[in-house]
C-alpha cells in the first residue's frame, strides 16, 4: 500500500510541478510537458513492478504508434482557443476528435499489424 502511495505522490508532484512552472515560464513548462513524462513514469513503475524488459519494449512501441493521434488534440485545442471558443468546449471538442481519431487509427493499426 505504501508503494502505491509513493507512486501516486511522485507522479502528482511531476504534474503539479509542470502546472506551477507554466504560470511562470510557459515555454519551459511546455518543453517539460512535451517530454514523455507520463510514459517514462509508467515505464519506471512497470519495470519496478515486473522487471520485464519485454513488457517495457511492448509498451514503448505501442506508445510510439499512439502518439500520432494525440498530436491532433494539440492542433485543435490552440486553434479553437485562439478563435475565441470557450476553454471547456475547446477541451471537449479536442478530446472528442482525438478519441474518434484514436479509434479509427487503432482499427487501421490492427489491420496493419501495429501494436495498438
N, C-alpha and C. Protein backbone atom coordinates (compact mmCIF):
# COMPACT_ATOMS: atom_id res chain seq x y z
N UNK A 1 0.82 -1.19 0.00
CA UNK A 1 0.00 0.00 0.00
C UNK A 1 0.87 1.27 0.00
N UNK A 2 1.94 1.25 0.77
CA UNK A 2 2.86 2.40 0.81
C UNK A 2 3.47 2.64 -0.57
N UNK A 3 3.80 1.56 -1.27
CA UNK A 3 4.40 1.67 -2.59
C UNK A 3 3.44 2.39 -3.55
N UNK A 4 2.19 2.06 -3.52
CA UNK A 4 1.20 2.71 -4.39
C UNK A 4 1.08 4.19 -4.03
N UNK A 5 1.08 4.50 -2.76
CA UNK A 5 1.00 5.90 -2.32
C UNK A 5 2.23 6.68 -2.81
N UNK A 6 3.41 6.07 -2.73
CA UNK A 6 4.64 6.71 -3.20
C UNK A 6 4.53 6.98 -4.71
N UNK A 7 4.05 5.99 -5.47
CA UNK A 7 3.88 6.17 -6.91
C UNK A 7 2.93 7.32 -7.21
N UNK A 8 1.83 7.37 -6.50
CA UNK A 8 0.83 8.43 -6.73
C UNK A 8 1.41 9.80 -6.38
N UNK A 9 2.07 9.90 -5.25
CA UNK A 9 2.63 11.19 -4.81
C UNK A 9 3.70 11.68 -5.78
N UNK A 10 4.63 10.82 -6.17
CA UNK A 10 5.69 11.23 -7.09
C UNK A 10 5.12 11.65 -8.44
N UNK A 11 4.16 10.90 -8.95
CA UNK A 11 3.54 11.23 -10.22
C UNK A 11 2.79 12.55 -10.12
N UNK A 12 2.05 12.75 -9.04
CA UNK A 12 1.31 14.00 -8.84
C UNK A 12 2.26 15.19 -8.72
N UNK A 13 3.40 15.00 -8.08
CA UNK A 13 4.38 16.08 -7.95
C UNK A 13 4.92 16.52 -9.31
N UNK A 14 5.14 15.57 -10.19
CA UNK A 14 5.63 15.92 -11.53
C UNK A 14 4.57 16.75 -12.25
N UNK A 15 3.33 16.33 -12.22
CA UNK A 15 2.25 17.05 -12.91
C UNK A 15 2.05 18.43 -12.29
N UNK A 16 2.02 18.50 -10.97
CA UNK A 16 1.86 19.79 -10.28
C UNK A 16 3.03 20.70 -10.59
N UNK A 17 4.22 20.14 -10.66
CA UNK A 17 5.40 20.94 -10.97
C UNK A 17 5.32 21.57 -12.35
N UNK A 18 4.89 20.81 -13.33
CA UNK A 18 4.74 21.36 -14.69
C UNK A 18 3.67 22.45 -14.69
N UNK A 19 2.58 22.21 -13.99
CA UNK A 19 1.50 23.20 -13.92
C UNK A 19 1.97 24.50 -13.28
N UNK A 20 2.67 24.41 -12.18
CA UNK A 20 3.18 25.60 -11.50
C UNK A 20 4.22 26.32 -12.35
N UNK A 21 5.07 25.56 -13.00
CA UNK A 21 6.08 26.16 -13.87
C UNK A 21 5.42 26.90 -15.02
N UNK A 22 4.30 26.37 -15.50
CA UNK A 22 3.57 27.00 -16.59
C UNK A 22 3.09 28.40 -16.25
N UNK A 23 2.85 28.66 -15.00
CA UNK A 23 2.43 30.00 -14.57
C UNK A 23 3.57 30.99 -14.65
N UNK A 24 4.80 30.51 -14.57
CA UNK A 24 5.97 31.39 -14.53
C UNK A 24 6.70 31.47 -15.87
N UNK A 25 6.81 30.33 -16.55
CA UNK A 25 7.56 30.28 -17.79
C UNK A 25 6.89 29.27 -18.72
N UNK A 26 6.03 29.77 -19.59
CA UNK A 26 5.24 28.89 -20.47
C UNK A 26 6.12 28.04 -21.36
N UNK A 27 7.14 28.64 -21.94
CA UNK A 27 7.99 27.90 -22.88
C UNK A 27 8.71 26.74 -22.19
N UNK A 28 9.26 26.99 -21.01
CA UNK A 28 9.96 25.92 -20.30
C UNK A 28 8.98 24.84 -19.83
N UNK A 29 7.81 25.26 -19.37
CA UNK A 29 6.79 24.28 -18.94
C UNK A 29 6.34 23.44 -20.13
N UNK A 30 6.19 24.06 -21.28
CA UNK A 30 5.79 23.32 -22.49
C UNK A 30 6.86 22.31 -22.87
N UNK A 31 8.12 22.74 -22.77
CA UNK A 31 9.21 21.82 -23.09
C UNK A 31 9.20 20.62 -22.13
N UNK A 32 9.00 20.91 -20.86
CA UNK A 32 8.96 19.85 -19.86
C UNK A 32 7.74 18.94 -20.07
N UNK A 33 6.60 19.56 -20.37
CA UNK A 33 5.38 18.77 -20.59
C UNK A 33 5.47 17.94 -21.88
N UNK A 34 6.24 18.44 -22.85
CA UNK A 34 6.39 17.70 -24.11
C UNK A 34 7.24 16.45 -23.94
N UNK A 35 8.05 16.44 -22.89
CA UNK A 35 8.80 15.22 -22.62
C UNK A 35 7.80 14.12 -22.30
N UNK A 36 8.13 12.92 -22.61
CA UNK A 36 7.18 11.83 -22.33
C UNK A 36 7.19 11.45 -20.84
N UNK A 37 6.88 12.43 -19.99
CA UNK A 37 6.95 12.19 -18.54
C UNK A 37 6.02 11.08 -18.09
N UNK A 38 4.80 11.11 -18.59
CA UNK A 38 3.85 10.06 -18.20
C UNK A 38 4.37 8.70 -18.66
N UNK A 39 4.86 8.65 -19.88
CA UNK A 39 5.40 7.39 -20.40
C UNK A 39 6.60 6.93 -19.60
N UNK A 40 7.51 7.86 -19.30
CA UNK A 40 8.69 7.50 -18.52
C UNK A 40 8.30 6.98 -17.14
N UNK A 41 7.38 7.69 -16.49
CA UNK A 41 6.94 7.23 -15.17
C UNK A 41 6.28 5.86 -15.26
N UNK A 42 5.42 5.68 -16.26
CA UNK A 42 4.76 4.38 -16.42
C UNK A 42 5.77 3.27 -16.64
N UNK A 43 6.79 3.55 -17.45
CA UNK A 43 7.82 2.53 -17.70
C UNK A 43 8.62 2.22 -16.44
N UNK A 44 8.97 3.26 -15.69
CA UNK A 44 9.71 3.05 -14.45
C UNK A 44 8.88 2.21 -13.48
N UNK A 45 7.61 2.58 -13.32
CA UNK A 45 6.75 1.83 -12.38
C UNK A 45 6.54 0.40 -12.88
N UNK A 46 6.32 0.23 -14.19
CA UNK A 46 6.11 -1.11 -14.73
C UNK A 46 7.37 -1.96 -14.56
N UNK A 47 8.53 -1.38 -14.83
CA UNK A 47 9.77 -2.14 -14.66
C UNK A 47 10.00 -2.48 -13.19
N UNK A 48 9.74 -1.51 -12.32
CA UNK A 48 9.90 -1.75 -10.89
C UNK A 48 8.99 -2.88 -10.43
N UNK A 49 7.77 -2.92 -10.97
CA UNK A 49 6.81 -3.94 -10.58
C UNK A 49 7.11 -5.31 -11.19
N UNK A 50 7.60 -5.34 -12.44
CA UNK A 50 7.70 -6.63 -13.15
C UNK A 50 9.13 -7.08 -13.46
N UNK A 51 10.06 -6.12 -13.57
CA UNK A 51 11.44 -6.41 -14.01
C UNK A 51 11.46 -7.08 -15.39
N UNK A 52 10.45 -6.79 -16.22
CA UNK A 52 10.30 -7.44 -17.52
C UNK A 52 10.59 -6.45 -18.65
N UNK A 53 11.80 -6.49 -19.23
CA UNK A 53 12.13 -5.56 -20.30
C UNK A 53 11.25 -5.75 -21.54
N UNK A 54 10.74 -6.94 -21.76
CA UNK A 54 9.85 -7.19 -22.89
C UNK A 54 8.56 -6.39 -22.78
N UNK A 55 8.03 -6.31 -21.57
CA UNK A 55 6.82 -5.50 -21.36
C UNK A 55 7.10 -4.03 -21.61
N UNK A 56 8.28 -3.57 -21.19
CA UNK A 56 8.65 -2.17 -21.41
C UNK A 56 8.78 -1.91 -22.91
N UNK A 57 9.39 -2.83 -23.62
CA UNK A 57 9.54 -2.68 -25.08
C UNK A 57 8.17 -2.64 -25.75
N UNK A 58 7.27 -3.53 -25.35
CA UNK A 58 5.92 -3.54 -25.92
C UNK A 58 5.18 -2.23 -25.63
N UNK A 59 5.28 -1.77 -24.39
CA UNK A 59 4.63 -0.52 -24.01
C UNK A 59 5.21 0.64 -24.81
N UNK A 60 6.52 0.69 -24.94
CA UNK A 60 7.18 1.76 -25.67
C UNK A 60 6.75 1.79 -27.14
N UNK A 61 6.69 0.63 -27.77
CA UNK A 61 6.28 0.55 -29.18
C UNK A 61 4.82 1.00 -29.34
N UNK A 62 3.96 0.56 -28.44
CA UNK A 62 2.55 0.96 -28.52
C UNK A 62 2.40 2.47 -28.31
N UNK A 63 3.15 3.02 -27.38
CA UNK A 63 3.11 4.47 -27.14
C UNK A 63 3.53 5.22 -28.40
N UNK A 64 4.58 4.75 -29.04
CA UNK A 64 5.04 5.41 -30.27
C UNK A 64 3.91 5.54 -31.28
N UNK A 65 3.22 4.43 -31.53
CA UNK A 65 2.17 4.45 -32.54
C UNK A 65 0.95 5.27 -32.10
N UNK A 66 0.72 5.36 -30.80
CA UNK A 66 -0.45 6.10 -30.32
C UNK A 66 -0.18 7.58 -30.06
N UNK A 67 1.06 8.01 -30.19
CA UNK A 67 1.35 9.44 -30.07
C UNK A 67 0.76 10.20 -31.25
N UNK A 68 0.75 9.60 -32.40
CA UNK A 68 0.27 10.29 -33.60
C UNK A 68 -1.16 10.83 -33.46
N UNK A 69 -2.13 10.03 -32.98
CA UNK A 69 -3.47 10.59 -32.81
C UNK A 69 -3.51 11.70 -31.75
N UNK A 70 -2.64 11.64 -30.77
CA UNK A 70 -2.60 12.66 -29.72
C UNK A 70 -2.23 14.03 -30.30
N UNK A 71 -1.41 14.04 -31.32
CA UNK A 71 -0.97 15.31 -31.90
C UNK A 71 -2.15 16.12 -32.44
N UNK A 72 -3.20 15.44 -32.88
CA UNK A 72 -4.38 16.14 -33.37
C UNK A 72 -5.01 17.01 -32.28
N UNK A 73 -5.01 16.51 -31.05
CA UNK A 73 -5.51 17.29 -29.91
C UNK A 73 -4.77 18.61 -29.80
N UNK A 74 -3.45 18.56 -29.94
CA UNK A 74 -2.62 19.74 -29.77
C UNK A 74 -2.66 20.69 -30.97
N UNK A 75 -3.32 20.28 -32.03
CA UNK A 75 -3.57 21.20 -33.14
C UNK A 75 -4.94 21.87 -32.99
N UNK A 76 -5.94 21.10 -32.60
CA UNK A 76 -7.31 21.61 -32.50
C UNK A 76 -7.47 22.54 -31.30
N UNK A 77 -6.94 22.16 -30.14
CA UNK A 77 -7.13 22.96 -28.93
C UNK A 77 -6.63 24.41 -29.10
N UNK A 78 -5.39 24.64 -29.50
CA UNK A 78 -4.95 26.04 -29.63
C UNK A 78 -5.71 26.80 -30.72
N UNK A 79 -6.08 26.10 -31.79
CA UNK A 79 -6.83 26.76 -32.84
C UNK A 79 -8.16 27.27 -32.30
N UNK A 80 -8.88 26.42 -31.57
CA UNK A 80 -10.18 26.81 -31.01
C UNK A 80 -10.02 27.95 -30.01
N UNK A 81 -9.04 27.84 -29.13
CA UNK A 81 -8.85 28.88 -28.12
C UNK A 81 -8.50 30.22 -28.76
N UNK A 82 -7.67 30.19 -29.77
CA UNK A 82 -7.27 31.44 -30.46
C UNK A 82 -8.42 32.05 -31.26
N UNK A 83 -9.42 31.24 -31.57
CA UNK A 83 -10.59 31.74 -32.30
C UNK A 83 -11.75 32.05 -31.36
N UNK A 84 -11.46 32.15 -30.07
CA UNK A 84 -12.44 32.64 -29.12
C UNK A 84 -13.40 31.62 -28.53
N UNK A 85 -13.18 30.35 -28.79
CA UNK A 85 -14.06 29.33 -28.21
C UNK A 85 -13.78 29.18 -26.71
N UNK A 86 -14.81 28.84 -25.98
CA UNK A 86 -14.72 28.60 -24.55
C UNK A 86 -13.70 27.50 -24.25
N UNK A 87 -12.95 27.65 -23.15
CA UNK A 87 -11.93 26.67 -22.78
C UNK A 87 -12.49 25.26 -22.67
N UNK A 88 -13.59 25.11 -21.92
CA UNK A 88 -14.13 23.77 -21.67
C UNK A 88 -14.67 23.15 -22.95
N UNK A 89 -15.29 23.95 -23.80
CA UNK A 89 -15.76 23.45 -25.09
C UNK A 89 -14.57 23.02 -25.94
N UNK A 90 -13.52 23.83 -25.93
CA UNK A 90 -12.32 23.51 -26.71
C UNK A 90 -11.68 22.21 -26.24
N UNK A 91 -11.62 22.02 -24.92
CA UNK A 91 -11.07 20.77 -24.38
C UNK A 91 -11.94 19.59 -24.79
N UNK A 92 -13.26 19.76 -24.68
CA UNK A 92 -14.19 18.67 -25.01
C UNK A 92 -14.11 18.31 -26.49
N UNK A 93 -14.13 19.30 -27.35
CA UNK A 93 -14.08 19.03 -28.79
C UNK A 93 -12.74 18.41 -29.17
N UNK A 94 -11.66 18.97 -28.68
CA UNK A 94 -10.33 18.44 -28.98
C UNK A 94 -10.20 17.00 -28.50
N UNK A 95 -10.69 16.73 -27.30
CA UNK A 95 -10.65 15.36 -26.76
C UNK A 95 -11.53 14.43 -27.57
N UNK A 96 -12.72 14.89 -27.92
CA UNK A 96 -13.63 14.05 -28.70
C UNK A 96 -13.06 13.69 -30.06
N UNK A 97 -12.49 14.68 -30.74
CA UNK A 97 -11.88 14.42 -32.05
C UNK A 97 -10.71 13.45 -31.88
N UNK A 98 -9.92 13.65 -30.83
CA UNK A 98 -8.79 12.77 -30.58
C UNK A 98 -9.25 11.32 -30.35
N UNK A 99 -10.31 11.14 -29.56
CA UNK A 99 -10.82 9.78 -29.29
C UNK A 99 -11.31 9.13 -30.57
N UNK A 100 -12.06 9.88 -31.38
CA UNK A 100 -12.55 9.33 -32.65
C UNK A 100 -11.37 8.94 -33.54
N UNK A 101 -10.36 9.81 -33.60
CA UNK A 101 -9.18 9.52 -34.40
C UNK A 101 -8.43 8.31 -33.84
N UNK A 102 -8.34 8.21 -32.50
CA UNK A 102 -7.72 7.04 -31.87
C UNK A 102 -8.41 5.75 -32.31
N UNK A 103 -9.74 5.74 -32.23
CA UNK A 103 -10.49 4.53 -32.57
C UNK A 103 -10.27 4.14 -34.03
N UNK A 104 -10.33 5.11 -34.93
CA UNK A 104 -10.11 4.83 -36.34
C UNK A 104 -8.66 4.38 -36.58
N UNK A 105 -7.75 5.05 -35.93
CA UNK A 105 -6.33 4.74 -36.06
C UNK A 105 -6.02 3.35 -35.52
N UNK A 106 -6.62 3.01 -34.38
CA UNK A 106 -6.41 1.69 -33.78
C UNK A 106 -6.97 0.59 -34.67
N UNK A 107 -8.14 0.83 -35.25
CA UNK A 107 -8.72 -0.17 -36.14
C UNK A 107 -7.82 -0.38 -37.36
N UNK A 108 -7.32 0.70 -37.92
CA UNK A 108 -6.40 0.60 -39.06
C UNK A 108 -5.10 -0.07 -38.62
N UNK A 109 -4.60 0.33 -37.45
CA UNK A 109 -3.35 -0.25 -36.94
C UNK A 109 -3.43 -1.75 -36.74
N UNK A 110 -4.57 -2.21 -36.20
CA UNK A 110 -4.73 -3.66 -36.02
C UNK A 110 -4.72 -4.39 -37.35
N UNK A 111 -5.33 -3.80 -38.37
CA UNK A 111 -5.33 -4.43 -39.71
C UNK A 111 -3.92 -4.47 -40.30
N UNK A 112 -3.10 -3.48 -39.94
CA UNK A 112 -1.73 -3.42 -40.45
C UNK A 112 -0.74 -4.16 -39.55
N UNK A 113 -1.24 -4.69 -38.42
CA UNK A 113 -0.37 -5.44 -37.50
C UNK A 113 0.46 -4.58 -36.56
N UNK A 114 0.04 -3.33 -36.37
CA UNK A 114 0.78 -2.44 -35.45
C UNK A 114 0.38 -2.74 -34.01
N UNK A 115 1.27 -2.52 -33.06
CA UNK A 115 0.96 -2.82 -31.65
C UNK A 115 0.13 -1.72 -30.98
N UNK A 116 -1.11 -1.56 -31.44
CA UNK A 116 -2.00 -0.54 -30.86
C UNK A 116 -3.21 -1.19 -30.22
